[in-house]
Amino acid sequence: MTSPTSEDTTASSPAPEAEPARKSGFLAETLEELKLVVWPSRQQLFSESIAVILMVSLSAAAIAAVSRFYAWGSSQVFR
C-alpha cells in the first residue's frame, strides 16, 4: 500500500487571473469539436425522424392496449 504524496494531498486551484482564459479556451475548443461533428443529411434526418415518431406511436398504442386490457380484467374480477 502506498501513502499519498504531498502532490496528491494539496488542493490545486487555478489562479484567479486564469479564469477568463479558461472560459474562452472552452468556447474555442467547443467550436472546434462542433466542426468535427458529422451532421446528418436532410433526407437522413427526415427518415430517422419518421422512424422515431412511428416507434413512439406504436409503443404508446401497445402500452394503451395493455392498460385497457388490465382495466377490463380488473373490472371483471372486482365487480
PDB file of N, CA and C in Angstrom:
ATOM      1  N   MET A   1       0.843  -1.164   0.000  1.00  0.00           N
ATOM      2  CA  MET A   1       0.000   0.000   0.000  1.00  0.00           C
ATOM      3  C   MET A   1       0.893   1.234   0.000  1.00  0.00           C
ATOM      4  N   THR A   2       0.556   2.208  -0.794  1.00  0.00           N
ATOM      5  CA  THR A   2       1.368   3.419  -0.875  1.00  0.00           C
ATOM      6  C   THR A   2       0.664   4.546  -0.147  1.00  0.00           C
ATOM      7  N   SER A   3       1.474   5.454   0.367  1.00  0.00           N
ATOM      8  CA  SER A   3       0.896   6.609   1.051  1.00  0.00           C
ATOM      9  C   SER A   3       0.853   7.783   0.077  1.00  0.00           C
ATOM     10  N   PRO A   4      -0.117   8.667   0.269  1.00  0.00           N
ATOM     11  CA  PRO A   4      -0.225   9.801  -0.649  1.00  0.00           C
ATOM     12  C   PRO A   4       0.954  10.746  -0.511  1.00  0.00           C
ATOM     13  N   THR A   5       1.348  11.320  -1.607  1.00  0.00           N
ATOM     14  CA  THR A   5       2.434  12.291  -1.588  1.00  0.00           C
ATOM     15  C   THR A   5       1.866  13.673  -1.335  1.00  0.00           C
ATOM     16  N   SER A   6       2.728  14.630  -1.168  1.00  0.00           N
ATOM     17  CA  SER A   6       2.271  15.997  -0.925  1.00  0.00           C
ATOM     18  C   SER A   6       1.539  16.549  -2.145  1.00  0.00           C
ATOM     19  N   GLU A   7       1.891  16.049  -3.326  1.00  0.00           N
ATOM     20  CA  GLU A   7       1.203  16.491  -4.541  1.00  0.00           C
ATOM     21  C   GLU A   7      -0.232  15.985  -4.570  1.00  0.00           C
ATOM     22  N   ASP A   8      -0.458  14.775  -4.019  1.00  0.00           N
ATOM     23  CA  ASP A   8      -1.790  14.199  -4.013  1.00  0.00           C
ATOM     24  C   ASP A   8      -2.697  14.872  -2.993  1.00  0.00           C
ATOM     25  N   THR A   9      -2.117  15.320  -1.888  1.00  0.00           N
ATOM     26  CA  THR A   9      -2.939  15.845  -0.794  1.00  0.00           C
ATOM     27  C   THR A   9      -3.210  17.337  -0.901  1.00  0.00           C
ATOM     28  N   THR A  10      -2.409  18.070  -1.642  1.00  0.00           N
ATOM     29  CA  THR A  10      -2.643  19.508  -1.748  1.00  0.00           C
ATOM     30  C   THR A  10      -3.683  19.777  -2.815  1.00  0.00           C
ATOM     31  N   ALA A  11      -4.582  20.685  -2.481  1.00  0.00           N
ATOM     32  CA  ALA A  11      -5.625  21.049  -3.444  1.00  0.00           C
ATOM     33  C   ALA A  11      -5.045  22.054  -4.424  1.00  0.00           C
ATOM     34  N   SER A  12      -5.155  21.725  -5.677  1.00  0.00           N
ATOM     35  CA  SER A  12      -4.640  22.653  -6.679  1.00  0.00           C
ATOM     36  C   SER A  12      -5.806  23.464  -7.206  1.00  0.00           C
ATOM     37  N   SER A  13      -5.710  24.769  -7.068  1.00  0.00           N
ATOM     38  CA  SER A  13      -6.770  25.644  -7.572  1.00  0.00           C
ATOM     39  C   SER A  13      -6.152  26.565  -8.607  1.00  0.00           C
ATOM     40  N   PRO A  14      -6.883  26.820  -9.699  1.00  0.00           N
ATOM     41  CA  PRO A  14      -6.333  27.696 -10.731  1.00  0.00           C
ATOM     42  C   PRO A  14      -6.227  29.132 -10.228  1.00  0.00           C
ATOM     43  N   ALA A  15      -5.308  29.833 -10.809  1.00  0.00           N
ATOM     44  CA  ALA A  15      -5.113  31.223 -10.421  1.00  0.00           C
ATOM     45  C   ALA A  15      -6.334  32.040 -10.841  1.00  0.00           C
ATOM     46  N   PRO A  16      -6.735  33.042 -10.057  1.00  0.00           N
ATOM     47  CA  PRO A  16      -7.914  33.832 -10.394  1.00  0.00           C
ATOM     48  C   PRO A  16      -7.810  34.529 -11.747  1.00  0.00           C
ATOM     49  N   GLU A  17      -6.607  34.928 -12.154  1.00  0.00           N
ATOM     50  CA  GLU A  17      -6.473  35.614 -13.431  1.00  0.00           C
ATOM     51  C   GLU A  17      -6.570  34.659 -14.623  1.00  0.00           C
ATOM     52  N   ALA A  18      -6.512  33.350 -14.377  1.00  0.00           N
ATOM     53  CA  ALA A  18      -6.608  32.377 -15.462  1.00  0.00           C
ATOM     54  C   ALA A  18      -8.058  32.067 -15.817  1.00  0.00           C
ATOM     55  N   GLU A  19      -9.003  32.557 -15.049  1.00  0.00           N
ATOM     56  CA  GLU A  19     -10.420  32.249 -15.275  1.00  0.00           C
ATOM     57  C   GLU A  19     -10.937  32.720 -16.632  1.00  0.00           C
ATOM     58  N   PRO A  20     -10.724  33.946 -17.090  1.00  0.00           N
ATOM     59  CA  PRO A  20     -11.210  34.339 -18.417  1.00  0.00           C
ATOM     60  C   PRO A  20     -10.560  33.533 -19.534  1.00  0.00           C
ATOM     61  N   ALA A  21      -9.312  33.155 -19.383  1.00  0.00           N
ATOM     62  CA  ALA A  21      -8.639  32.367 -20.401  1.00  0.00           C
ATOM     63  C   ALA A  21      -9.257  30.980 -20.482  1.00  0.00           C
ATOM     64  N   ARG A  22      -9.656  30.432 -19.353  1.00  0.00           N
ATOM     65  CA  ARG A  22     -10.290  29.107 -19.343  1.00  0.00           C
ATOM     66  C   ARG A  22     -11.624  29.146 -20.060  1.00  0.00           C
ATOM     67  N   LYS A  23     -12.405  30.208 -19.841  1.00  0.00           N
ATOM     68  CA  LYS A  23     -13.717  30.309 -20.475  1.00  0.00           C
ATOM     69  C   LYS A  23     -13.581  30.455 -21.978  1.00  0.00           C
ATOM     70  N   SER A  24     -12.671  31.315 -22.433  1.00  0.00           N
ATOM     71  CA  SER A  24     -12.508  31.482 -23.876  1.00  0.00           C
ATOM     72  C   SER A  24     -11.892  30.233 -24.492  1.00  0.00           C
ATOM     73  N   GLY A  25     -11.031  29.557 -23.749  1.00  0.00           N
ATOM     74  CA  GLY A  25     -10.449  28.314 -24.231  1.00  0.00           C
ATOM     75  C   GLY A  25     -11.512  27.236 -24.373  1.00  0.00           C
ATOM     76  N   PHE A  26     -12.442  27.194 -23.426  1.00  0.00           N
ATOM     77  CA  PHE A  26     -13.537  26.230 -23.500  1.00  0.00           C
ATOM     78  C   PHE A  26     -14.406  26.504 -24.711  1.00  0.00           C
ATOM     79  N   LEU A  27     -14.727  27.764 -24.965  1.00  0.00           N
ATOM     80  CA  LEU A  27     -15.557  28.125 -26.106  1.00  0.00           C
ATOM     81  C   LEU A  27     -14.856  27.773 -27.419  1.00  0.00           C
ATOM     82  N   ALA A  28     -13.576  28.067 -27.511  1.00  0.00           N
ATOM     83  CA  ALA A  28     -12.825  27.752 -28.732  1.00  0.00           C
ATOM     84  C   ALA A  28     -12.756  26.244 -28.951  1.00  0.00           C
ATOM     85  N   GLU A  29     -12.522  25.482 -27.871  1.00  0.00           N
ATOM     86  CA  GLU A  29     -12.461  24.027 -28.003  1.00  0.00           C
ATOM     87  C   GLU A  29     -13.831  23.459 -28.362  1.00  0.00           C
ATOM     88  N   THR A  30     -14.889  24.038 -27.838  1.00  0.00           N
ATOM     89  CA  THR A  30     -16.239  23.585 -28.174  1.00  0.00           C
ATOM     90  C   THR A  30     -16.527  23.810 -29.652  1.00  0.00           C
ATOM     91  N   LEU A  31     -16.160  24.957 -30.174  1.00  0.00           N
ATOM     92  CA  LEU A  31     -16.370  25.237 -31.591  1.00  0.00           C
ATOM     93  C   LEU A  31     -15.549  24.301 -32.474  1.00  0.00           C
ATOM     94  N   GLU A  32     -14.335  23.991 -32.050  1.00  0.00           N
ATOM     95  CA  GLU A  32     -13.509  23.052 -32.803  1.00  0.00           C
ATOM     96  C   GLU A  32     -14.144  21.662 -32.821  1.00  0.00           C
ATOM     97  N   GLU A  33     -14.705  21.232 -31.681  1.00  0.00           N
ATOM     98  CA  GLU A  33     -15.358  19.922 -31.631  1.00  0.00           C
ATOM     99  C   GLU A  33     -16.610  19.906 -32.509  1.00  0.00           C
ATOM    100  N   LEU A  34     -17.348  21.013 -32.544  1.00  0.00           N
ATOM    101  CA  LEU A  34     -18.544  21.072 -33.381  1.00  0.00           C
ATOM    102  C   LEU A  34     -18.199  20.996 -34.864  1.00  0.00           C
ATOM    103  N   LYS A  35     -17.023  21.441 -35.230  1.00  0.00           N
ATOM    104  CA  LYS A  35     -16.597  21.326 -36.627  1.00  0.00           C
ATOM    105  C   LYS A  35     -16.314  19.883 -37.005  1.00  0.00           C
ATOM    106  N   LEU A  36     -16.001  19.030 -36.024  1.00  0.00           N
ATOM    107  CA  LEU A  36     -15.695  17.629 -36.282  1.00  0.00           C
ATOM    108  C   LEU A  36     -16.945  16.756 -36.340  1.00  0.00           C
ATOM    109  N   VAL A  37     -18.091  17.299 -35.942  1.00  0.00           N
ATOM    110  CA  VAL A  37     -19.325  16.517 -35.936  1.00  0.00           C
ATOM    111  C   VAL A  37     -19.762  16.232 -37.366  1.00  0.00           C
ATOM    112  N   VAL A  38     -20.172  15.001 -37.612  1.00  0.00           N
ATOM    113  CA  VAL A  38     -20.713  14.631 -38.923  1.00  0.00           C
ATOM    114  C   VAL A  38     -22.225  14.809 -38.837  1.00  0.00           C
ATOM    115  N   TRP A  39     -22.717  15.874 -39.424  1.00  0.00           N
ATOM    116  CA  TRP A  39     -24.135  16.192 -39.346  1.00  0.00           C
ATOM    117  C   TRP A  39     -24.886  15.362 -40.374  1.00  0.00           C
ATOM    118  N   PRO A  40     -26.125  14.910 -40.040  1.00  0.00           N
ATOM    119  CA  PRO A  40     -26.887  14.098 -40.989  1.00  0.00           C
ATOM    120  C   PRO A  40     -27.408  14.933 -42.148  1.00  0.00           C
ATOM    121  N   SER A  41     -27.643  14.260 -43.269  1.00  0.00           N
ATOM    122  CA  SER A  41     -28.226  14.951 -44.415  1.00  0.00           C
ATOM    123  C   SER A  41     -29.709  15.195 -44.139  1.00  0.00           C
ATOM    124  N   ARG A  42     -30.322  16.027 -44.966  1.00  0.00           N
ATOM    125  CA  ARG A  42     -31.736  16.339 -44.776  1.00  0.00           C
ATOM    126  C   ARG A  42     -32.585  15.072 -44.929  1.00  0.00           C
ATOM    127  N   GLN A  43     -32.257  14.236 -45.904  1.00  0.00           N
ATOM    128  CA  GLN A  43     -33.013  13.003 -46.128  1.00  0.00           C
ATOM    129  C   GLN A  43     -32.854  12.039 -44.954  1.00  0.00           C
ATOM    130  N   GLN A  44     -31.641  11.898 -44.444  1.00  0.00           N
ATOM    131  CA  GLN A  44     -31.398  11.014 -43.313  1.00  0.00           C
ATOM    132  C   GLN A  44     -32.125  11.528 -42.069  1.00  0.00           C
ATOM    133  N   LEU A  45     -32.087  12.832 -41.851  1.00  0.00           N
ATOM    134  CA  LEU A  45     -32.771  13.421 -40.705  1.00  0.00           C
ATOM    135  C   LEU A  45     -34.273  13.181 -40.798  1.00  0.00           C
ATOM    136  N   PHE A  46     -34.841  13.352 -41.992  1.00  0.00           N
ATOM    137  CA  PHE A  46     -36.272  13.161 -42.188  1.00  0.00           C
ATOM    138  C   PHE A  46     -36.659  11.697 -41.962  1.00  0.00           C
ATOM    139  N   SER A  47     -35.928  10.763 -42.562  1.00  0.00           N
ATOM    140  CA  SER A  47     -36.293   9.347 -42.438  1.00  0.00           C
ATOM    141  C   SER A  47     -36.128   8.847 -41.006  1.00  0.00           C
ATOM    142  N   GLU A  48     -35.089   9.277 -40.325  1.00  0.00           N
ATOM    143  CA  GLU A  48     -34.905   8.843 -38.944  1.00  0.00           C
ATOM    144  C   GLU A  48     -35.926   9.478 -38.017  1.00  0.00           C
ATOM    145  N   SER A  49     -36.343  10.696 -38.306  1.00  0.00           N
ATOM    146  CA  SER A  49     -37.394  11.330 -37.508  1.00  0.00           C
ATOM    147  C   SER A  49     -38.707  10.586 -37.677  1.00  0.00           C
ATOM    148  N   ILE A  50     -39.027  10.195 -38.911  1.00  0.00           N
ATOM    149  CA  ILE A  50     -40.246   9.417 -39.161  1.00  0.00           C
ATOM    150  C   ILE A  50     -40.178   8.088 -38.414  1.00  0.00           C
ATOM    151  N   ALA A  51     -39.025   7.434 -38.430  1.00  0.00           N
ATOM    152  CA  ALA A  51     -38.864   6.155 -37.731  1.00  0.00           C
ATOM    153  C   ALA A  51     -39.079   6.324 -36.224  1.00  0.00           C
ATOM    154  N   VAL A  52     -38.551   7.389 -35.652  1.00  0.00           N
ATOM    155  CA  VAL A  52     -38.720   7.630 -34.219  1.00  0.00           C
ATOM    156  C   VAL A  52     -40.181   7.903 -33.894  1.00  0.00           C
ATOM    157  N   ILE A  53     -40.831   8.743 -34.685  1.00  0.00           N
ATOM    158  CA  ILE A  53     -42.243   9.058 -34.443  1.00  0.00           C
ATOM    159  C   ILE A  53     -43.095   7.795 -34.559  1.00  0.00           C
ATOM    160  N   LEU A  54     -42.814   6.961 -35.543  1.00  0.00           N
ATOM    161  CA  LEU A  54     -43.553   5.719 -35.730  1.00  0.00           C
ATOM    162  C   LEU A  54     -43.360   4.775 -34.542  1.00  0.00           C
ATOM    163  N   MET A  55     -42.139   4.604 -34.102  1.00  0.00           N
ATOM    164  CA  MET A  55     -41.870   3.695 -32.981  1.00  0.00           C
ATOM    165  C   MET A  55     -42.488   4.201 -31.684  1.00  0.00           C
ATOM    166  N   VAL A  56     -42.449   5.507 -31.452  1.00  0.00           N
ATOM    167  CA  VAL A  56     -43.068   6.063 -30.247  1.00  0.00           C
ATOM    168  C   VAL A  56     -44.580   5.863 -30.306  1.00  0.00           C
ATOM    169  N   SER A  57     -45.181   6.069 -31.470  1.00  0.00           N
ATOM    170  CA  SER A  57     -46.629   5.881 -31.627  1.00  0.00           C
ATOM    171  C   SER A  57     -47.017   4.421 -31.406  1.00  0.00           C
ATOM    172  N   LEU A  58     -46.252   3.497 -31.986  1.00  0.00           N
ATOM    173  CA  LEU A  58     -46.545   2.082 -31.790  1.00  0.00           C
ATOM    174  C   LEU A  58     -46.362   1.661 -30.330  1.00  0.00           C
ATOM    175  N   SER A  59     -45.360   2.167 -29.687  1.00  0.00           N
ATOM    176  CA  SER A  59     -45.141   1.846 -28.272  1.00  0.00           C
ATOM    177  C   SER A  59     -46.274   2.391 -27.416  1.00  0.00           C
ATOM    178  N   ALA A  60     -46.702   3.623 -27.692  1.00  0.00           N
ATOM    179  CA  ALA A  60     -47.807   4.212 -26.936  1.00  0.00           C
ATOM    180  C   ALA A  60     -49.091   3.423 -27.145  1.00  0.00           C
ATOM    181  N   ALA A  61     -49.340   2.974 -28.379  1.00  0.00           N
ATOM    182  CA  ALA A  61     -50.534   2.177 -28.659  1.00  0.00           C
ATOM    183  C   ALA A  61     -50.475   0.834 -27.931  1.00  0.00           C
ATOM    184  N   ALA A  62     -49.318   0.200 -27.907  1.00  0.00           N
ATOM    185  CA  ALA A  62     -49.181  -1.081 -27.216  1.00  0.00           C
ATOM    186  C   ALA A  62     -49.389  -0.912 -25.705  1.00  0.00           C
ATOM    187  N   ILE A  63     -48.832   0.133 -25.140  1.00  0.00           N
ATOM    188  CA  ILE A  63     -48.995   0.380 -23.703  1.00  0.00           C
ATOM    189  C   ILE A  63     -50.453   0.679 -23.387  1.00  0.00           C
ATOM    190  N   ALA A  64     -51.121   1.461 -24.235  1.00  0.00           N
ATOM    191  CA  ALA A  64     -52.541   1.760 -24.022  1.00  0.00           C
ATOM    192  C   ALA A  64     -53.382   0.492 -24.123  1.00  0.00           C
ATOM    193  N   ALA A  65     -53.067  -0.390 -25.072  1.00  0.00           N
ATOM    194  CA  ALA A  65     -53.827  -1.636 -25.226  1.00  0.00           C
ATOM    195  C   ALA A  65     -53.664  -2.527 -23.994  1.00  0.00           C
ATOM    196  N   VAL A  66     -52.446  -2.660 -23.505  1.00  0.00           N
ATOM    197  CA  VAL A  66     -52.208  -3.479 -22.315  1.00  0.00           C
ATOM    198  C   VAL A  66     -52.909  -2.860 -21.110  1.00  0.00           C
ATOM    199  N   SER A  67     -52.852  -1.551 -20.983  1.00  0.00           N
ATOM    200  CA  SER A  67     -53.512  -0.870 -19.869  1.00  0.00           C
ATOM    201  C   SER A  67     -55.020  -1.078 -19.914  1.00  0.00           C
ATOM    202  N   ARG A  68     -55.619  -0.955 -21.092  1.00  0.00           N
ATOM    203  CA  ARG A  68     -57.071  -1.169 -21.216  1.00  0.00           C
ATOM    204  C   ARG A  68     -57.432  -2.627 -20.929  1.00  0.00           C
ATOM    205  N   PHE A  69     -56.586  -3.558 -21.358  1.00  0.00           N
ATOM    206  CA  PHE A  69     -56.847  -4.963 -21.081  1.00  0.00           C
ATOM    207  C   PHE A  69     -56.851  -5.223 -19.578  1.00  0.00           C
ATOM    208  N   TYR A  70     -55.858  -4.701 -18.864  1.00  0.00           N
ATOM    209  CA  TYR A  70     -55.815  -4.899 -17.418  1.00  0.00           C
ATOM    210  C   TYR A  70     -56.958  -4.168 -16.724  1.00  0.00           C
ATOM    211  N   ALA A  71     -57.356  -3.015 -17.223  1.00  0.00           N
ATOM    212  CA  ALA A  71     -58.509  -2.309 -16.650  1.00  0.00           C
ATOM    213  C   ALA A  71     -59.778  -3.136 -16.841  1.00  0.00           C
ATOM    214  N   TRP A  72     -59.945  -3.710 -18.045  1.00  0.00           N
ATOM    215  CA  TRP A  72     -61.106  -4.561 -18.296  1.00  0.00           C
ATOM    216  C   TRP A  72     -61.064  -5.793 -17.397  1.00  0.00           C
ATOM    217  N   GLY A  73     -59.888  -6.418 -17.290  1.00  0.00           N
ATOM    218  CA  GLY A  73     -59.748  -7.606 -16.452  1.00  0.00           C
ATOM    219  C   GLY A  73     -60.047  -7.312 -14.994  1.00  0.00           C
ATOM    220  N   SER A  74     -59.553  -6.205 -14.477  1.00  0.00           N
ATOM    221  CA  SER A  74     -59.817  -5.877 -13.074  1.00  0.00           C
ATOM    222  C   SER A  74     -61.283  -5.535 -12.858  1.00  0.00           C
ATOM    223  N   SER A  75     -61.952  -4.927 -13.871  1.00  0.00           N
ATOM    224  CA  SER A  75     -63.373  -4.632 -13.709  1.00  0.00           C
ATOM    225  C   SER A  75     -64.201  -5.928 -13.722  1.00  0.00           C
ATOM    226  N   GLN A  76     -63.737  -6.962 -14.402  1.00  0.00           N
ATOM    227  CA  GLN A  76     -64.429  -8.245 -14.401  1.00  0.00           C
ATOM    228  C   GLN A  76     -64.240  -8.967 -13.071  1.00  0.00           C
ATOM    229  N   VAL A  77     -63.065  -8.831 -12.472  1.00  0.00           N
ATOM    230  CA  VAL A  77     -62.779  -9.518 -11.218  1.00  0.00           C
ATOM    231  C   VAL A  77     -63.420  -8.803 -10.040  1.00  0.00           C
ATOM    232  N   PHE A  78     -63.325  -7.480 -10.004  1.00  0.00           N
ATOM    233  CA  PHE A  78     -63.790  -6.706  -8.848  1.00  0.00           C
ATOM    234  C   PHE A  78     -65.109  -6.002  -9.146  1.00  0.00           C
ATOM    235  N   ARG A  79     -66.138  -6.740  -9.502  1.00  0.00           N
ATOM    236  CA  ARG A  79     -67.444  -6.142  -9.773  1.00  0.00           C
ATOM    237  C   ARG A  79     -68.114  -5.682  -8.523  1.00  0.00           C
TER     238      ARG A  79
END
